């Protein structure tokens, strides 16, 4: 039904759990997976007149964020390999993760985006923003939203 599924992650425990569900969904459909992590763009320090010598330059920042992104994508890649499905990965840089995900899905010719949602609503969504909502509003392809729930901890 779906040939290529994009699975975004932000590296959090809940996002990784949703991504692993996405890999299982892809395996059930015989789909290949493209994992994506969107890092914030490099920001120059605007609060000082001289950039401190310990502040990373843009190339260092980008290299570090690529490494972080690949670490976040590792569990998805491992699950895809174990399921015997093709996997590719992307680390993107944007201050609008939702827009970057929607554009990348189109560029990569994905026919579905499988992503989690923390289930925030009302004021929480308004104040925090929602990458999932942004993707839903911008995408021309189907988006399957996996509702994430935090595990209750024993007292």
N, C-alpha and C. Protein backbone atom coordinates (compact mmCIF):
# COMPACT_ATOMS: atom_id res chain seq x y z
N UNK A 1 0.82 -1.19 0.00
CA UNK A 1 0.00 0.00 0.00
C UNK A 1 0.86 1.26 0.00
N UNK A 2 1.90 1.29 0.87
CA UNK A 2 2.82 2.42 0.91
C UNK A 2 4.21 1.91 0.55
N UNK A 3 4.86 2.59 -0.37
CA UNK A 3 6.20 2.15 -0.80
C UNK A 3 7.31 2.72 0.07
N UNK A 4 7.16 3.99 0.46
CA UNK A 4 8.23 4.66 1.21
C UNK A 4 7.61 5.51 2.32
N UNK A 5 7.99 5.21 3.54
CA UNK A 5 7.42 5.89 4.70
C UNK A 5 8.50 6.72 5.39
N UNK A 6 8.19 8.00 5.62
CA UNK A 6 9.10 8.86 6.38
C UNK A 6 8.73 8.78 7.85
N UNK A 7 9.76 8.58 8.69
CA UNK A 7 9.55 8.51 10.14
C UNK A 7 10.46 9.53 10.81
N UNK A 8 9.89 10.67 11.24
CA UNK A 8 10.69 11.68 11.94
C UNK A 8 10.88 11.32 13.41
N UNK A 9 11.98 11.79 13.99
CA UNK A 9 12.20 11.63 15.42
C UNK A 9 12.87 12.89 15.96
N UNK A 10 12.61 13.17 17.24
CA UNK A 10 13.34 14.26 17.90
C UNK A 10 14.31 13.70 18.93
N UNK A 11 14.40 12.36 18.98
CA UNK A 11 15.34 11.71 19.88
C UNK A 11 14.78 11.42 21.26
N UNK A 12 13.60 11.93 21.57
CA UNK A 12 13.03 11.68 22.90
C UNK A 12 12.56 10.24 23.00
N UNK A 13 12.33 9.80 24.23
CA UNK A 13 11.87 8.43 24.46
C UNK A 13 10.53 8.18 23.76
N UNK A 14 9.61 9.13 23.87
CA UNK A 14 8.30 8.96 23.24
C UNK A 14 8.38 8.97 21.72
N UNK A 15 9.21 9.84 21.19
CA UNK A 15 9.38 9.90 19.74
C UNK A 15 10.01 8.61 19.21
N UNK A 16 10.98 8.09 19.93
CA UNK A 16 11.63 6.84 19.52
C UNK A 16 10.63 5.69 19.57
N UNK A 17 9.79 5.66 20.60
CA UNK A 17 8.77 4.61 20.70
C UNK A 17 7.82 4.67 19.50
N UNK A 18 7.41 5.88 19.12
CA UNK A 18 6.53 6.03 17.96
C UNK A 18 7.25 5.60 16.69
N UNK A 19 8.53 5.96 16.58
CA UNK A 19 9.31 5.60 15.39
C UNK A 19 9.41 4.09 15.25
N UNK A 20 9.60 3.40 16.35
CA UNK A 20 9.69 1.94 16.31
C UNK A 20 8.35 1.32 15.90
N UNK A 21 7.25 1.93 16.34
CA UNK A 21 5.93 1.49 15.87
C UNK A 21 5.81 1.73 14.37
N UNK A 22 6.39 2.84 13.91
CA UNK A 22 6.38 3.15 12.47
C UNK A 22 7.14 2.12 11.66
N UNK A 23 8.27 1.65 12.19
CA UNK A 23 9.04 0.61 11.51
C UNK A 23 8.24 -0.67 11.44
N UNK A 24 7.56 -1.03 12.52
CA UNK A 24 6.72 -2.24 12.51
C UNK A 24 5.61 -2.10 11.48
N UNK A 25 5.02 -0.91 11.39
CA UNK A 25 3.99 -0.65 10.38
C UNK A 25 4.57 -0.80 8.98
N UNK A 26 5.75 -0.25 8.77
CA UNK A 26 6.41 -0.35 7.46
C UNK A 26 6.70 -1.81 7.12
N UNK A 27 7.17 -2.56 8.09
CA UNK A 27 7.47 -3.98 7.85
C UNK A 27 6.21 -4.74 7.46
N UNK A 28 5.10 -4.45 8.14
CA UNK A 28 3.82 -5.11 7.81
C UNK A 28 3.36 -4.78 6.40
N UNK A 29 3.74 -3.61 5.90
CA UNK A 29 3.33 -3.16 4.57
C UNK A 29 4.39 -3.40 3.50
N UNK A 30 5.55 -3.92 3.91
CA UNK A 30 6.63 -4.13 2.95
C UNK A 30 7.19 -2.83 2.39
N UNK A 31 7.18 -1.79 3.22
CA UNK A 31 7.63 -0.46 2.80
C UNK A 31 9.07 -0.22 3.22
N UNK A 32 9.75 0.67 2.49
CA UNK A 32 11.05 1.12 2.95
C UNK A 32 10.84 2.34 3.85
N UNK A 33 11.85 2.64 4.67
CA UNK A 33 11.74 3.71 5.66
C UNK A 33 12.83 4.74 5.45
N UNK A 34 12.45 6.00 5.57
CA UNK A 34 13.40 7.10 5.63
C UNK A 34 13.23 7.75 7.00
N UNK A 35 14.26 7.65 7.84
CA UNK A 35 14.25 8.30 9.14
C UNK A 35 14.76 9.72 8.99
N UNK A 36 14.18 10.65 9.73
CA UNK A 36 14.62 12.04 9.63
C UNK A 36 14.68 12.68 11.01
N UNK A 37 15.74 13.47 11.20
CA UNK A 37 15.91 14.28 12.40
C UNK A 37 16.13 15.71 11.93
N UNK A 38 15.41 16.66 12.52
CA UNK A 38 15.57 18.07 12.15
C UNK A 38 16.22 18.81 13.31
N UNK A 39 17.42 19.30 13.07
CA UNK A 39 18.16 20.07 14.08
C UNK A 39 17.89 21.56 13.87
N UNK A 40 17.91 22.33 14.94
CA UNK A 40 17.76 23.78 14.78
C UNK A 40 18.95 24.35 14.02
N UNK A 41 18.69 25.39 13.27
CA UNK A 41 19.76 26.06 12.53
C UNK A 41 20.74 26.71 13.50
N UNK A 42 21.96 26.87 13.05
CA UNK A 42 23.01 27.52 13.84
C UNK A 42 22.59 28.95 14.17
N UNK A 43 22.83 29.35 15.41
CA UNK A 43 22.50 30.71 15.84
C UNK A 43 23.76 31.43 16.31
N UNK A 44 24.02 32.58 15.74
CA UNK A 44 25.12 33.40 16.22
C UNK A 44 24.71 34.05 17.53
N UNK A 45 25.63 34.16 18.48
CA UNK A 45 25.25 34.80 19.76
C UNK A 45 25.00 36.29 19.54
N UNK A 46 23.81 36.72 19.81
CA UNK A 46 23.46 38.13 19.58
C UNK A 46 23.57 38.97 20.85
N UNK A 47 23.89 38.31 21.95
CA UNK A 47 23.92 39.01 23.22
C UNK A 47 25.30 39.53 23.59
N UNK A 48 26.29 39.29 22.74
CA UNK A 48 27.65 39.77 23.02
C UNK A 48 28.21 40.46 21.79
N UNK A 49 29.17 41.35 22.01
CA UNK A 49 29.79 42.06 20.89
C UNK A 49 30.85 41.20 20.21
N UNK A 50 31.52 40.35 20.99
CA UNK A 50 32.57 39.49 20.45
C UNK A 50 32.18 38.05 20.75
N UNK A 51 32.29 37.19 19.75
CA UNK A 51 31.95 35.77 19.94
C UNK A 51 33.01 35.15 20.83
N UNK A 52 32.60 34.51 21.94
CA UNK A 52 33.57 33.88 22.84
C UNK A 52 34.35 32.78 22.10
N UNK A 53 35.61 32.58 22.45
CA UNK A 53 36.41 31.57 21.76
C UNK A 53 35.89 30.14 21.96
N UNK A 54 35.12 29.91 23.00
CA UNK A 54 34.59 28.56 23.24
C UNK A 54 33.28 28.30 22.49
N UNK A 55 32.72 29.35 21.88
CA UNK A 55 31.48 29.19 21.13
C UNK A 55 31.78 28.47 19.82
N UNK A 56 31.04 27.40 19.51
CA UNK A 56 31.37 26.63 18.31
C UNK A 56 31.11 27.43 17.03
N UNK A 57 31.95 27.21 16.04
CA UNK A 57 31.69 27.83 14.74
C UNK A 57 30.62 27.00 14.04
N UNK A 58 30.07 27.54 12.99
CA UNK A 58 28.95 26.90 12.32
C UNK A 58 29.27 25.48 11.85
N UNK A 59 30.47 25.27 11.32
CA UNK A 59 30.85 23.94 10.83
C UNK A 59 30.91 22.93 11.99
N UNK A 60 31.43 23.35 13.14
CA UNK A 60 31.49 22.47 14.31
C UNK A 60 30.07 22.13 14.80
N UNK A 61 29.23 23.14 14.85
CA UNK A 61 27.85 22.93 15.27
C UNK A 61 27.15 21.94 14.35
N UNK A 62 27.28 22.17 13.03
CA UNK A 62 26.62 21.28 12.06
C UNK A 62 27.13 19.85 12.18
N UNK A 63 28.43 19.67 12.36
CA UNK A 63 29.00 18.33 12.50
C UNK A 63 28.47 17.66 13.77
N UNK A 64 28.41 18.42 14.86
CA UNK A 64 27.90 17.87 16.12
C UNK A 64 26.43 17.47 15.99
N UNK A 65 25.62 18.33 15.37
CA UNK A 65 24.19 18.03 15.23
C UNK A 65 23.96 16.87 14.27
N UNK A 66 24.78 16.71 13.25
CA UNK A 66 24.67 15.54 12.38
C UNK A 66 24.94 14.26 13.18
N UNK A 67 25.97 14.32 14.04
CA UNK A 67 26.31 13.17 14.88
C UNK A 67 25.15 12.85 15.83
N UNK A 68 24.61 13.88 16.47
CA UNK A 68 23.48 13.70 17.38
C UNK A 68 22.29 13.11 16.62
N UNK A 69 22.01 13.67 15.46
CA UNK A 69 20.89 13.18 14.64
C UNK A 69 21.06 11.71 14.27
N UNK A 70 22.27 11.32 13.88
CA UNK A 70 22.52 9.92 13.52
C UNK A 70 22.35 9.01 14.74
N UNK A 71 22.73 9.49 15.92
CA UNK A 71 22.52 8.71 17.15
C UNK A 71 21.02 8.53 17.41
N UNK A 72 20.22 9.59 17.21
CA UNK A 72 18.79 9.50 17.41
C UNK A 72 18.13 8.57 16.38
N UNK A 73 18.71 8.51 15.18
CA UNK A 73 18.15 7.67 14.12
C UNK A 73 18.59 6.21 14.23
N UNK A 74 19.61 5.96 15.04
CA UNK A 74 20.17 4.61 15.17
C UNK A 74 19.13 3.55 15.58
N UNK A 75 18.28 3.79 16.57
CA UNK A 75 17.29 2.76 16.93
C UNK A 75 16.33 2.44 15.78
N UNK A 76 16.01 3.45 14.98
CA UNK A 76 15.11 3.24 13.84
C UNK A 76 15.81 2.38 12.79
N UNK A 77 17.08 2.71 12.53
CA UNK A 77 17.86 1.94 11.56
C UNK A 77 18.00 0.48 12.01
N UNK A 78 18.28 0.29 13.28
CA UNK A 78 18.45 -1.07 13.82
C UNK A 78 17.14 -1.86 13.68
N UNK A 79 16.03 -1.23 14.03
CA UNK A 79 14.73 -1.91 13.91
C UNK A 79 14.41 -2.24 12.46
N UNK A 80 14.74 -1.35 11.55
CA UNK A 80 14.50 -1.60 10.12
C UNK A 80 15.36 -2.77 9.64
N UNK A 81 16.63 -2.80 10.05
CA UNK A 81 17.51 -3.91 9.66
C UNK A 81 16.98 -5.23 10.20
N UNK A 82 16.55 -5.24 11.45
CA UNK A 82 16.01 -6.45 12.06
C UNK A 82 14.74 -6.91 11.36
N UNK A 83 13.96 -5.95 10.85
CA UNK A 83 12.72 -6.28 10.15
C UNK A 83 12.97 -6.62 8.68
N UNK A 84 14.21 -6.42 8.23
CA UNK A 84 14.56 -6.73 6.85
C UNK A 84 14.04 -5.74 5.82
N UNK A 85 13.89 -4.48 6.22
CA UNK A 85 13.42 -3.47 5.28
C UNK A 85 14.50 -2.42 5.02
N UNK A 86 14.43 -1.81 3.84
CA UNK A 86 15.41 -0.79 3.47
C UNK A 86 15.25 0.44 4.34
N UNK A 87 16.40 1.06 4.65
CA UNK A 87 16.41 2.24 5.51
C UNK A 87 17.37 3.28 4.95
N UNK A 88 16.94 4.52 4.97
CA UNK A 88 17.83 5.64 4.67
C UNK A 88 17.57 6.70 5.73
N UNK A 89 18.52 7.61 5.89
CA UNK A 89 18.37 8.62 6.94
C UNK A 89 18.71 10.01 6.43
N UNK A 90 18.12 10.99 7.08
CA UNK A 90 18.36 12.40 6.77
C UNK A 90 18.52 13.17 8.07
N UNK A 91 19.51 14.04 8.11
CA UNK A 91 19.61 15.02 9.18
C UNK A 91 19.48 16.38 8.50
N UNK A 92 18.45 17.10 8.87
CA UNK A 92 18.15 18.40 8.25
C UNK A 92 18.35 19.51 9.27
N UNK A 93 18.52 20.73 8.76
CA UNK A 93 18.67 21.91 9.62
C UNK A 93 17.58 22.90 9.27
N UNK A 94 16.75 23.21 10.27
CA UNK A 94 15.67 24.16 10.06
C UNK A 94 15.14 24.60 11.41
N UNK A 95 14.68 25.83 11.48
CA UNK A 95 14.02 26.31 12.70
C UNK A 95 12.53 26.02 12.67
N UNK A 96 12.07 25.40 11.59
CA UNK A 96 10.68 24.96 11.49
C UNK A 96 10.69 23.48 11.11
N UNK A 97 10.72 22.63 12.14
CA UNK A 97 10.81 21.19 11.92
C UNK A 97 9.65 20.68 11.07
N UNK A 98 8.45 21.17 11.33
CA UNK A 98 7.28 20.72 10.58
C UNK A 98 7.41 20.99 9.09
N UNK A 99 7.85 22.19 8.74
CA UNK A 99 8.05 22.54 7.33
C UNK A 99 9.14 21.68 6.71
N UNK A 100 10.23 21.48 7.43
CA UNK A 100 11.34 20.68 6.91
C UNK A 100 10.91 19.24 6.66
N UNK A 101 10.12 18.68 7.56
CA UNK A 101 9.64 17.30 7.41
C UNK A 101 8.72 17.20 6.19
N UNK A 102 7.79 18.13 6.05
CA UNK A 102 6.85 18.11 4.92
C UNK A 102 7.60 18.24 3.59
N UNK A 103 8.55 19.15 3.52
CA UNK A 103 9.33 19.34 2.28
C UNK A 103 10.19 18.11 1.97
N UNK A 104 10.82 17.55 3.01
CA UNK A 104 11.68 16.38 2.79
C UNK A 104 10.86 15.19 2.32
N UNK A 105 9.68 15.02 2.85
CA UNK A 105 8.83 13.90 2.43
C UNK A 105 8.51 14.00 0.95
N UNK A 106 8.24 15.21 0.50
CA UNK A 106 7.95 15.42 -0.92
C UNK A 106 9.21 15.18 -1.77
N UNK A 107 10.34 15.73 -1.33
CA UNK A 107 11.60 15.55 -2.07
C UNK A 107 12.03 14.09 -2.14
N UNK A 108 11.79 13.34 -1.07
CA UNK A 108 12.20 11.93 -1.01
C UNK A 108 11.15 11.00 -1.64
N UNK A 109 10.07 11.60 -2.15
CA UNK A 109 9.00 10.84 -2.78
C UNK A 109 8.38 9.79 -1.84
N UNK A 110 8.18 10.21 -0.59
CA UNK A 110 7.52 9.35 0.38
C UNK A 110 6.01 9.42 0.13
N UNK A 111 5.32 8.33 0.42
CA UNK A 111 3.88 8.36 0.25
C UNK A 111 3.12 8.28 1.57
N UNK A 112 3.86 8.36 2.69
CA UNK A 112 3.26 8.43 4.02
C UNK A 112 4.29 8.96 4.99
N UNK A 113 3.81 9.75 5.95
CA UNK A 113 4.64 10.15 7.09
C UNK A 113 4.01 9.51 8.32
N UNK A 114 4.82 8.79 9.08
CA UNK A 114 4.36 8.14 10.32
C UNK A 114 5.06 8.86 11.45
N UNK A 115 4.29 9.54 12.30
CA UNK A 115 4.92 10.30 13.38
C UNK A 115 4.07 10.28 14.63
N UNK A 116 4.72 10.53 15.73
CA UNK A 116 4.05 10.54 17.01
C UNK A 116 3.53 11.91 17.35
N UNK A 117 2.62 11.92 18.31
CA UNK A 117 2.11 13.15 18.86
C UNK A 117 2.06 12.99 20.37
N UNK A 118 2.46 14.02 21.07
CA UNK A 118 2.43 13.97 22.53
C UNK A 118 1.03 14.19 23.06
N UNK A 119 0.09 14.52 22.18
CA UNK A 119 -1.29 14.66 22.60
C UNK A 119 -1.60 15.94 23.33
N UNK A 120 -0.77 16.96 23.17
CA UNK A 120 -1.05 18.24 23.82
C UNK A 120 -2.23 18.89 23.11
N UNK A 121 -3.00 19.63 23.86
CA UNK A 121 -4.11 20.33 23.24
C UNK A 121 -4.28 21.68 23.93
N UNK A 122 -5.14 22.48 23.39
CA UNK A 122 -5.46 23.77 23.99
C UNK A 122 -4.26 24.66 24.18
N UNK A 123 -4.11 25.21 25.38
CA UNK A 123 -3.05 26.16 25.68
C UNK A 123 -1.67 25.53 25.54
N UNK A 124 -1.53 24.25 25.92
CA UNK A 124 -0.24 23.57 25.79
C UNK A 124 0.24 23.53 24.36
N UNK A 125 -0.68 23.26 23.44
CA UNK A 125 -0.30 23.22 22.03
C UNK A 125 -0.01 24.63 21.52
N UNK A 126 -0.79 25.60 21.96
CA UNK A 126 -0.60 26.97 21.53
C UNK A 126 0.76 27.51 21.97
N UNK A 127 1.12 27.28 23.23
CA UNK A 127 2.38 27.79 23.75
C UNK A 127 3.59 27.01 23.25
N UNK A 128 3.47 25.71 23.16
CA UNK A 128 4.61 24.88 22.80
C UNK A 128 4.74 24.67 21.30
N UNK A 129 3.66 24.88 20.57
CA UNK A 129 3.68 24.59 19.15
C UNK A 129 3.56 23.10 18.95
N UNK A 130 3.30 22.68 17.75
CA UNK A 130 3.18 21.26 17.49
C UNK A 130 3.73 20.95 16.11
N UNK A 131 4.81 20.20 16.10
CA UNK A 131 5.41 19.79 14.84
C UNK A 131 4.41 18.94 14.06
N UNK A 132 3.71 18.06 14.76
CA UNK A 132 2.75 17.19 14.10
C UNK A 132 1.65 17.99 13.43
N UNK A 133 1.11 18.98 14.13
CA UNK A 133 0.07 19.83 13.55
C UNK A 133 0.58 20.57 12.34
N UNK A 134 1.80 21.06 12.40
CA UNK A 134 2.39 21.78 11.27
C UNK A 134 2.52 20.85 10.07
N UNK A 135 3.00 19.62 10.30
CA UNK A 135 3.13 18.66 9.21
C UNK A 135 1.76 18.36 8.61
N UNK A 136 0.77 18.14 9.47
CA UNK A 136 -0.59 17.86 8.98
C UNK A 136 -1.12 19.00 8.11
N UNK A 137 -0.81 20.23 8.50
CA UNK A 137 -1.30 21.38 7.74
C UNK A 137 -0.57 21.60 6.42
N UNK A 138 0.69 21.18 6.35
CA UNK A 138 1.50 21.46 5.17
C UNK A 138 1.57 20.32 4.16
N UNK A 139 1.31 19.11 4.61
CA UNK A 139 1.54 17.93 3.77
C UNK A 139 0.47 17.70 2.73
N UNK A 140 0.93 17.22 1.57
CA UNK A 140 0.02 16.81 0.51
C UNK A 140 -0.12 15.29 0.48
N UNK A 141 0.60 14.60 1.38
CA UNK A 141 0.53 13.14 1.45
C UNK A 141 -0.08 12.76 2.79
N UNK A 142 -0.55 11.51 2.93
CA UNK A 142 -1.12 11.10 4.21
C UNK A 142 -0.11 11.15 5.35
N UNK A 143 -0.61 11.47 6.53
CA UNK A 143 0.19 11.48 7.75
C UNK A 143 -0.53 10.59 8.76
N UNK A 144 0.15 9.55 9.21
CA UNK A 144 -0.41 8.67 10.23
C UNK A 144 0.16 9.12 11.56
N UNK A 145 -0.71 9.54 12.47
CA UNK A 145 -0.28 10.06 13.76
C UNK A 145 -0.49 8.99 14.82
N UNK A 146 0.61 8.59 15.44
CA UNK A 146 0.59 7.61 16.52
C UNK A 146 0.56 8.38 17.83
N UNK A 147 -0.53 8.19 18.59
CA UNK A 147 -0.66 8.93 19.85
C UNK A 147 0.25 8.32 20.91
N UNK A 148 1.10 9.14 21.47
CA UNK A 148 2.07 8.69 22.45
C UNK A 148 1.58 8.97 23.87
N UNK A 149 1.83 8.02 24.73
CA UNK A 149 1.47 8.19 26.14
C UNK A 149 2.70 7.86 26.97
N UNK A 150 2.95 8.69 27.96
CA UNK A 150 4.04 8.41 28.89
C UNK A 150 3.63 7.23 29.77
N UNK A 151 4.61 6.38 30.06
CA UNK A 151 4.36 5.28 30.98
C UNK A 151 4.25 5.82 32.40
N UNK A 152 3.25 5.33 33.13
CA UNK A 152 3.10 5.75 34.52
C UNK A 152 4.16 5.07 35.35
N UNK A 153 4.79 5.85 36.21
CA UNK A 153 5.84 5.31 37.08
C UNK A 153 5.23 4.83 38.39
N UNK A 154 5.74 3.71 38.89
CA UNK A 154 5.27 3.19 40.17
C UNK A 154 5.72 4.11 41.30
N UNK A 155 4.88 4.27 42.29
CA UNK A 155 5.20 5.16 43.39
C UNK A 155 5.89 4.41 44.49
